[in-house]
Amino acid sequence: MKFYFFTILLFTNSLYSQSFFEKQIQLRNDKPISVYTGLNSISYYYSMQFLGASYAFDSKNEIGANFIFSKYSSDDKKTYLPSPNYLFIFNENFSFNQNSIKVFYNYYFFNSPFFLNATLGSLPEVSQTYSAFIIPTFSNNFSEFNINVTRKSTAYFSPGLGLKLILDNGVFFTIAGGPMFIYDNQIKSNSYSYLVSNSDYQNIAANLIINPLIDSKKKELFGFSRKNTEAYIDFSAGISF
């Protein structure tokens, strides 16, 4: 008895799934044009809004493009370390210097709302700066240490997977993601240090506090910027007609 019950349940689910898939095929054919907005996230450090549009030639093939509002500059992150004669200030800044775009092709497989995705896109120039200051308590002079790492704007290719669910009224929701293979990761860096005096205290402070921090940040910034592979995920919602 239990065997027949589970058989009927699986058959019912199969019919429902088939009907649902057929409905998605019909909606893709009847409403081929889509406009939408969403959130583009790359690895752990990047999450930006985008606008996009796509066109489905039939129930299996769709092309589109997204304009990503990736131009952004973070607020300076300051850390203060007071001492009897000096104030140490550490400052971090992170910025994306352009907006970006990507174009894509989706292939819906097994007559389902799931698709294989191929994307060509651009990545904005990324700039990271870390600086440190030694300010004497009773003087206007200060010493400065600074490092800047810039990754030039570049392109990438991404194969991926996605899911697009369309309601009867044309409203739809999409999720897509995959690895990103960066074409040319050009890195530029520069750094400088400036001491207003050669006092023993400042030299000790520079050698024991500032320089190790600068070195560790340099490794951190280069480690981030030199990645040739990232991963992305997009969430979007829009209307098809």
Protein backbone atom coordinates (compact mmCIF):
# COMPACT_ATOMS: atom_id res chain seq x y z
CA MET A 1 0.00 0.00 0.00
CA LYS A 2 2.83 2.37 0.87
CA PHE A 3 4.51 1.56 -2.46
CA TYR A 4 1.43 2.63 -4.44
CA PHE A 5 1.04 5.76 -2.36
CA PHE A 6 4.60 6.90 -3.08
CA THR A 7 4.25 5.93 -6.75
CA ILE A 8 1.12 8.10 -7.10
CA LEU A 9 2.82 10.94 -5.23
CA LEU A 10 5.87 10.86 -7.51
CA PHE A 11 3.67 10.67 -10.62
CA THR A 12 1.61 13.66 -9.43
CA ASN A 13 4.76 15.66 -8.76
CA SER A 14 6.07 14.73 -12.19
CA LEU A 15 2.90 15.97 -13.86
CA TYR A 16 3.04 19.18 -11.87
CA SER A 17 6.72 19.75 -12.75
CA GLN A 18 6.05 19.07 -16.43
CA SER A 19 3.12 21.50 -16.43
CA PHE A 20 5.22 24.12 -14.66
CA PHE A 21 8.09 23.75 -17.13
CA GLU A 22 5.70 24.00 -20.07
CA LYS A 23 4.24 27.17 -18.58
CA GLN A 24 7.73 28.70 -18.29
CA ILE A 25 8.43 27.82 -21.94
CA GLN A 26 5.21 29.50 -23.01
CA LEU A 27 5.97 32.63 -20.99
CA ARG A 28 9.47 32.89 -22.48
CA ASN A 29 7.96 32.65 -25.96
CA ASP A 30 5.08 35.04 -25.29
CA LYS A 31 7.11 37.63 -23.33
CA PRO A 32 10.58 37.67 -24.97
CA ILE A 33 11.71 41.13 -23.80
CA SER A 34 12.84 41.56 -20.19
CA VAL A 35 13.97 44.62 -18.23
CA TYR A 36 15.20 44.31 -14.69
CA THR A 37 17.34 45.54 -11.84
CA GLY A 38 19.40 43.65 -9.33
CA LEU A 39 22.55 43.19 -7.30
CA ASN A 40 25.90 42.03 -8.71
CA SER A 41 28.28 40.54 -6.12
CA ILE A 42 31.89 39.48 -6.74
CA SER A 43 33.64 37.30 -4.18
CA TYR A 44 33.62 38.87 -0.72
CA TYR A 45 34.41 42.51 -1.48
CA TYR A 46 32.05 43.84 -4.14
CA SER A 47 28.25 44.24 -4.26
CA MET A 48 26.76 46.76 -6.71
CA GLN A 49 23.36 47.56 -8.23
CA PHE A 50 22.78 47.06 -11.94
CA LEU A 51 20.16 47.63 -14.65
CA GLY A 52 19.72 45.20 -17.53
CA ALA A 53 17.69 44.10 -20.52
CA SER A 54 17.45 40.81 -22.40
CA TYR A 55 15.74 39.27 -25.41
CA ALA A 56 14.70 35.64 -25.85
CA PHE A 57 14.82 34.47 -29.48
CA ASP A 58 12.84 31.39 -28.47
CA SER A 59 12.28 29.28 -25.36
CA LYS A 60 15.92 28.15 -25.27
CA ASN A 61 18.11 31.09 -26.33
CA GLU A 62 18.41 34.49 -24.67
CA ILE A 63 20.91 37.34 -24.91
CA GLY A 64 21.24 40.44 -22.75
CA ALA A 65 23.40 43.13 -21.21
CA ASN A 66 23.81 44.62 -17.74
CA PHE A 67 25.04 48.08 -16.82
CA ILE A 68 26.65 47.91 -13.38
CA PHE A 69 26.93 51.00 -11.17
CA SER A 70 30.34 49.98 -9.90
CA LYS A 71 31.89 53.44 -9.49
CA TYR A 72 32.34 53.74 -5.76
CA SER A 73 34.68 55.10 -3.10
CA SER A 74 34.60 53.90 0.48
CA ASP A 75 34.71 56.27 3.43
CA ASP A 76 38.15 56.56 4.94
CA LYS A 77 38.61 54.06 7.74
CA LYS A 78 40.68 55.76 10.41
CA THR A 79 42.29 54.22 13.47
CA TYR A 80 43.84 56.37 16.21
CA LEU A 81 46.60 55.26 18.59
CA PRO A 82 47.50 57.95 21.14
CA SER A 83 50.77 58.05 23.10
CA PRO A 84 52.27 60.60 25.54
CA ASN A 85 54.17 62.57 22.89
CA TYR A 86 52.68 61.46 19.56
CA LEU A 87 49.40 60.57 17.90
CA PHE A 88 49.44 57.70 15.40
CA ILE A 89 46.72 57.75 12.71
CA PHE A 90 46.16 54.84 10.31
CA ASN A 91 43.92 55.39 7.29
CA GLU A 92 42.48 52.92 4.74
CA ASN A 93 40.60 53.70 1.52
CA PHE A 94 39.12 51.49 -1.20
CA SER A 95 37.66 52.69 -4.52
CA PHE A 96 36.31 51.50 -7.86
CA ASN A 97 36.99 54.15 -10.47
CA GLN A 98 34.55 53.32 -13.31
CA ASN A 99 31.14 51.83 -13.98
CA SER A 100 31.18 48.50 -15.82
CA ILE A 101 29.14 46.40 -18.24
CA LYS A 102 28.66 42.79 -19.19
CA VAL A 103 26.91 40.96 -22.03
CA PHE A 104 25.65 37.40 -21.74
CA TYR A 105 24.05 34.44 -23.46
CA ASN A 106 21.69 32.04 -21.67
CA TYR A 107 20.78 28.56 -22.92
CA TYR A 108 17.77 26.96 -21.20
CA PHE A 109 18.29 23.22 -20.98
CA PHE A 110 15.86 20.29 -20.63
CA ASN A 111 12.95 22.65 -21.37
CA SER A 112 13.35 23.99 -17.84
CA PRO A 113 13.75 27.43 -16.23
CA PHE A 114 17.42 26.55 -15.54
CA PHE A 115 20.04 27.85 -17.95
CA LEU A 116 23.71 27.65 -18.83
CA ASN A 117 25.31 31.08 -19.00
CA ALA A 118 28.27 32.57 -20.86
CA THR A 119 29.31 36.12 -19.94
CA LEU A 120 31.85 38.65 -21.20
CA GLY A 121 32.31 41.63 -18.92
CA SER A 122 34.51 44.46 -17.76
CA LEU A 123 35.93 45.11 -14.31
CA PRO A 124 36.59 48.67 -13.10
CA GLU A 125 39.96 49.99 -12.04
CA VAL A 126 40.41 49.22 -8.36
CA SER A 127 42.52 51.43 -6.09
CA GLN A 128 43.51 50.67 -2.50
CA THR A 129 45.43 53.04 -0.27
CA TYR A 130 46.87 52.56 3.19
CA SER A 131 48.62 55.38 5.02
CA ALA A 132 49.96 56.10 8.47
CA PHE A 133 50.83 59.39 10.18
CA ILE A 134 52.97 60.25 13.23
CA ILE A 135 51.85 63.60 14.64
CA PRO A 136 53.80 65.18 17.53
CA THR A 137 51.52 66.38 20.32
CA PHE A 138 53.17 69.81 20.60
CA SER A 139 54.02 70.48 16.95
CA ASN A 140 52.31 70.98 13.61
CA ASN A 141 54.85 68.82 11.80
CA PHE A 142 54.06 65.20 11.03
CA SER A 143 55.60 62.13 9.42
CA GLU A 144 53.76 60.13 6.77
CA PHE A 145 53.96 56.62 5.33
CA ASN A 146 51.83 55.68 2.31
CA ILE A 147 51.25 52.78 -0.08
CA ASN A 148 48.84 52.67 -3.03
CA VAL A 149 48.01 49.61 -5.15
CA THR A 150 45.96 49.95 -8.35
CA ARG A 151 44.54 47.19 -10.53
CA LYS A 152 43.89 48.47 -14.03
CA SER A 153 40.43 48.04 -15.57
CA THR A 154 40.23 44.70 -17.32
CA ALA A 155 37.90 42.14 -18.88
CA TYR A 156 36.75 38.66 -17.88
CA PHE A 157 34.93 35.59 -19.16
CA SER A 158 32.52 33.63 -17.01
CA PRO A 159 30.68 30.34 -17.57
CA GLY A 160 27.84 29.85 -15.14
CA LEU A 161 24.43 28.52 -14.18
CA GLY A 162 21.18 30.30 -13.46
CA LEU A 163 17.46 30.09 -12.81
CA LYS A 164 14.71 32.39 -14.13
CA LEU A 165 11.15 32.08 -12.83
CA ILE A 166 8.40 34.02 -14.63
CA LEU A 167 4.92 34.66 -13.20
CA ASP A 168 1.77 34.88 -15.33
CA ASN A 169 1.81 38.69 -15.18
CA GLY A 170 5.38 38.83 -16.53
CA VAL A 171 7.14 39.59 -13.25
CA PHE A 172 10.21 37.40 -12.93
CA PHE A 173 13.08 36.60 -10.59
CA THR A 174 16.54 35.46 -11.63
CA ILE A 175 19.64 34.13 -9.89
CA ALA A 176 22.87 33.39 -11.77
CA GLY A 177 26.49 32.83 -10.85
CA GLY A 178 29.79 31.24 -11.74
CA PRO A 179 33.58 31.62 -11.79
CA MET A 180 35.23 34.64 -13.43
CA PHE A 181 38.47 34.25 -15.37
CA ILE A 182 40.20 37.63 -15.50
CA TYR A 183 41.91 38.39 -18.80
CA ASP A 184 44.80 40.69 -17.82
CA ASN A 185 45.43 41.62 -14.21
CA GLN A 186 47.84 44.56 -14.45
CA ILE A 187 49.05 45.84 -11.09
CA LYS A 188 50.68 49.18 -10.36
CA SER A 189 51.95 50.23 -6.95
CA ASN A 190 53.76 53.12 -5.38
CA SER A 191 54.74 53.99 -1.84
CA TYR A 192 56.63 56.67 0.01
CA SER A 193 57.64 57.69 3.50
CA TYR A 194 58.47 61.08 4.94
CA LEU A 195 60.02 61.77 8.34
CA VAL A 196 60.06 65.35 9.62
CA SER A 197 62.87 64.49 12.01
CA ASN A 198 65.39 61.78 12.77
CA SER A 199 64.55 61.64 16.44
CA ASP A 200 65.13 58.34 18.19
CA TYR A 201 61.46 58.14 19.13
CA GLN A 202 60.24 58.54 15.56
CA ASN A 203 62.79 56.05 14.24
CA ILE A 204 61.78 53.52 16.87
CA ALA A 205 58.10 54.15 16.16
CA ALA A 206 58.66 53.75 12.43
CA ASN A 207 60.68 50.54 12.83
CA LEU A 208 58.52 48.86 15.45
CA ILE A 209 55.00 50.07 14.56
CA ILE A 210 54.66 51.75 11.20
CA ASN A 211 56.95 49.74 8.93
CA PRO A 212 55.61 46.29 9.96
CA LEU A 213 52.06 47.54 9.41
CA ILE A 214 52.92 48.96 6.00
CA ASP A 215 54.64 45.69 5.02
CA SER A 216 51.67 43.58 6.13
CA LYS A 217 49.24 45.86 4.29
CA LYS A 218 51.41 45.74 1.17
CA LYS A 219 51.19 41.94 1.14
CA GLU A 220 47.43 42.12 1.77
CA LEU A 221 46.81 44.61 -1.04
CA PHE A 222 48.97 42.74 -3.53
CA GLY A 223 47.39 39.43 -2.57
CA PHE A 224 43.93 40.81 -3.30
CA SER A 225 44.85 42.60 -6.50
CA ARG A 226 46.75 39.74 -8.12
CA LYS A 227 43.85 37.29 -8.18
CA ASN A 228 43.19 35.93 -11.67
CA THR A 229 40.01 34.08 -10.74
CA GLU A 230 36.99 35.40 -8.89
CA ALA A 231 33.38 34.26 -8.51
CA TYR A 232 30.14 36.20 -8.96
CA ILE A 233 26.46 35.87 -8.15
CA ASP A 234 23.61 38.04 -9.49
CA PHE A 235 20.14 38.48 -8.03
CA SER A 236 17.57 40.36 -10.12
CA ALA A 237 13.85 41.01 -10.54
CA GLY A 238 11.99 42.63 -13.41
CA ILE A 239 9.18 42.47 -15.92
CA SER A 240 8.87 40.56 -19.20
CA PHE A 241 6.60 41.60 -22.05
